[in-house]
Amino acid sequence: MDFYNAIKPLLLGGTVIIASWRAAKHYAKNESKEMWFAIVIGALVYFFVNGPANTLQAFSGILNALLNWVKGIGG
């Protein structure tokens, strides 16, 4: 895990640079759907690289919040 923590800033920086470049390229071509797709994919990759162990816990937390909201609708 020490090696991963050592290269983590490089991976995060590379993810931001690549996602920004792709989004800017789509923006220049007036492709808004592809631009937002590149931004979302870049954000998901950044989120996973930033904390791979917490990624699954975050999604289960979102699902639990959604289930609690649906249960609250029924009364």
C-alpha atoms as a PDB file:
ATOM      1  CA  MET A   1       0.000   0.000   0.000  1.00  0.00           C
ATOM      2  CA  ASP A   2       2.997   2.293   0.472  1.00  0.00           C
ATOM      3  CA  PHE A   3       3.763   2.089  -3.250  1.00  0.00           C
ATOM      4  CA  TYR A   4       0.155   3.001  -4.111  1.00  0.00           C
ATOM      5  CA  ASN A   5       0.251   5.961  -1.716  1.00  0.00           C
ATOM      6  CA  ALA A   6       3.490   7.078  -3.346  1.00  0.00           C
ATOM      7  CA  ILE A   7       2.088   7.113  -6.892  1.00  0.00           C
ATOM      8  CA  LYS A   8      -1.428   8.239  -5.916  1.00  0.00           C
ATOM      9  CA  PRO A   9      -0.766  11.976  -6.578  1.00  0.00           C
ATOM     10  CA  LEU A  10       0.586  11.084 -10.017  1.00  0.00           C
ATOM     11  CA  LEU A  11      -2.497   8.985 -10.792  1.00  0.00           C
ATOM     12  CA  LEU A  12      -4.863  11.698  -9.565  1.00  0.00           C
ATOM     13  CA  GLY A  13      -3.057  14.389 -11.536  1.00  0.00           C
ATOM     14  CA  GLY A  14      -3.039  12.248 -14.673  1.00  0.00           C
ATOM     15  CA  THR A  15      -6.739  11.539 -14.292  1.00  0.00           C
ATOM     16  CA  VAL A  16      -7.566  15.240 -13.993  1.00  0.00           C
ATOM     17  CA  ILE A  17      -5.363  16.197 -16.947  1.00  0.00           C
ATOM     18  CA  ILE A  18      -6.734  13.483 -19.240  1.00  0.00           C
ATOM     19  CA  ALA A  19     -10.382  14.106 -18.295  1.00  0.00           C
ATOM     20  CA  SER A  20      -9.945  17.875 -18.708  1.00  0.00           C
ATOM     21  CA  TRP A  21      -8.267  17.454 -22.078  1.00  0.00           C
ATOM     22  CA  ARG A  22     -11.023  15.159 -23.351  1.00  0.00           C
ATOM     23  CA  ALA A  23     -13.775  17.462 -22.064  1.00  0.00           C
ATOM     24  CA  ALA A  24     -12.099  20.490 -23.662  1.00  0.00           C
ATOM     25  CA  LYS A  25     -11.746  18.624 -26.942  1.00  0.00           C
ATOM     26  CA  HIS A  26     -15.462  17.805 -26.975  1.00  0.00           C
ATOM     27  CA  TYR A  27     -16.330  21.365 -25.932  1.00  0.00           C
ATOM     28  CA  ALA A  28     -14.340  22.733 -28.875  1.00  0.00           C
ATOM     29  CA  LYS A  29     -16.358  20.531 -31.243  1.00  0.00           C
ATOM     30  CA  ASN A  30     -19.694  21.574 -29.633  1.00  0.00           C
ATOM     31  CA  GLU A  31     -20.353  18.002 -28.475  1.00  0.00           C
ATOM     32  CA  SER A  32     -22.025  18.662 -25.141  1.00  0.00           C
ATOM     33  CA  LYS A  33     -23.250  15.094 -24.537  1.00  0.00           C
ATOM     34  CA  GLU A  34     -19.775  13.633 -25.037  1.00  0.00           C
ATOM     35  CA  MET A  35     -18.245  16.434 -22.946  1.00  0.00           C
ATOM     36  CA  TRP A  36     -20.440  15.645 -19.938  1.00  0.00           C
ATOM     37  CA  PHE A  37     -19.808  11.924 -20.441  1.00  0.00           C
ATOM     38  CA  ALA A  38     -16.037  12.563 -20.304  1.00  0.00           C
ATOM     39  CA  ILE A  39     -16.464  14.681 -17.158  1.00  0.00           C
ATOM     40  CA  VAL A  40     -18.555  12.023 -15.388  1.00  0.00           C
ATOM     41  CA  ILE A  41     -16.199   9.181 -16.329  1.00  0.00           C
ATOM     42  CA  GLY A  42     -13.224  11.282 -15.172  1.00  0.00           C
ATOM     43  CA  ALA A  43     -14.952  12.027 -11.872  1.00  0.00           C
ATOM     44  CA  LEU A  44     -15.727   8.345 -11.282  1.00  0.00           C
ATOM     45  CA  VAL A  45     -12.140   7.321 -12.041  1.00  0.00           C
ATOM     46  CA  TYR A  46     -10.861  10.101  -9.746  1.00  0.00           C
ATOM     47  CA  PHE A  47     -13.239   8.968  -6.991  1.00  0.00           C
ATOM     48  CA  PHE A  48     -12.053   5.350  -7.314  1.00  0.00           C
ATOM     49  CA  VAL A  49      -8.335   6.214  -7.455  1.00  0.00           C
ATOM     50  CA  ASN A  50      -8.653   8.564  -4.468  1.00  0.00           C
ATOM     51  CA  GLY A  51     -10.005   5.845  -2.175  1.00  0.00           C
ATOM     52  CA  PRO A  52     -10.517   2.361  -3.642  1.00  0.00           C
ATOM     53  CA  ALA A  53     -11.469   0.871  -0.281  1.00  0.00           C
ATOM     54  CA  ASN A  54     -14.112   3.521   0.354  1.00  0.00           C
ATOM     55  CA  THR A  55     -15.674   3.312  -3.119  1.00  0.00           C
ATOM     56  CA  LEU A  56     -17.849   0.284  -2.391  1.00  0.00           C
ATOM     57  CA  GLN A  57     -18.880   1.673   0.992  1.00  0.00           C
ATOM     58  CA  ALA A  58     -19.960   4.936  -0.640  1.00  0.00           C
ATOM     59  CA  PHE A  59     -22.192   3.162  -3.147  1.00  0.00           C
ATOM     60  CA  SER A  60     -23.778   1.014  -0.447  1.00  0.00           C
ATOM     61  CA  GLY A  61     -24.376   4.176   1.593  1.00  0.00           C
ATOM     62  CA  ILE A  62     -26.095   5.787  -1.385  1.00  0.00           C
ATOM     63  CA  LEU A  63     -28.272   2.701  -1.842  1.00  0.00           C
ATOM     64  CA  ASN A  64     -29.180   2.678   1.860  1.00  0.00           C
ATOM     65  CA  ALA A  65     -30.136   6.358   1.685  1.00  0.00           C
ATOM     66  CA  LEU A  66     -32.284   5.658  -1.366  1.00  0.00           C
ATOM     67  CA  LEU A  67     -34.000   2.725   0.365  1.00  0.00           C
ATOM     68  CA  ASN A  68     -34.696   4.833   3.465  1.00  0.00           C
ATOM     69  CA  TRP A  69     -36.164   7.569   1.260  1.00  0.00           C
ATOM     70  CA  VAL A  70     -38.427   5.059  -0.533  1.00  0.00           C
ATOM     71  CA  LYS A  71     -39.550   3.604   2.807  1.00  0.00           C
ATOM     72  CA  GLY A  72     -40.332   7.125   4.014  1.00  0.00           C
ATOM     73  CA  ILE A  73     -42.635   7.739   1.055  1.00  0.00           C
ATOM     74  CA  GLY A  74     -44.915   4.830   2.021  1.00  0.00           C
ATOM     75  CA  GLY A  75     -45.551   6.245   5.468  1.00  0.00           C
END
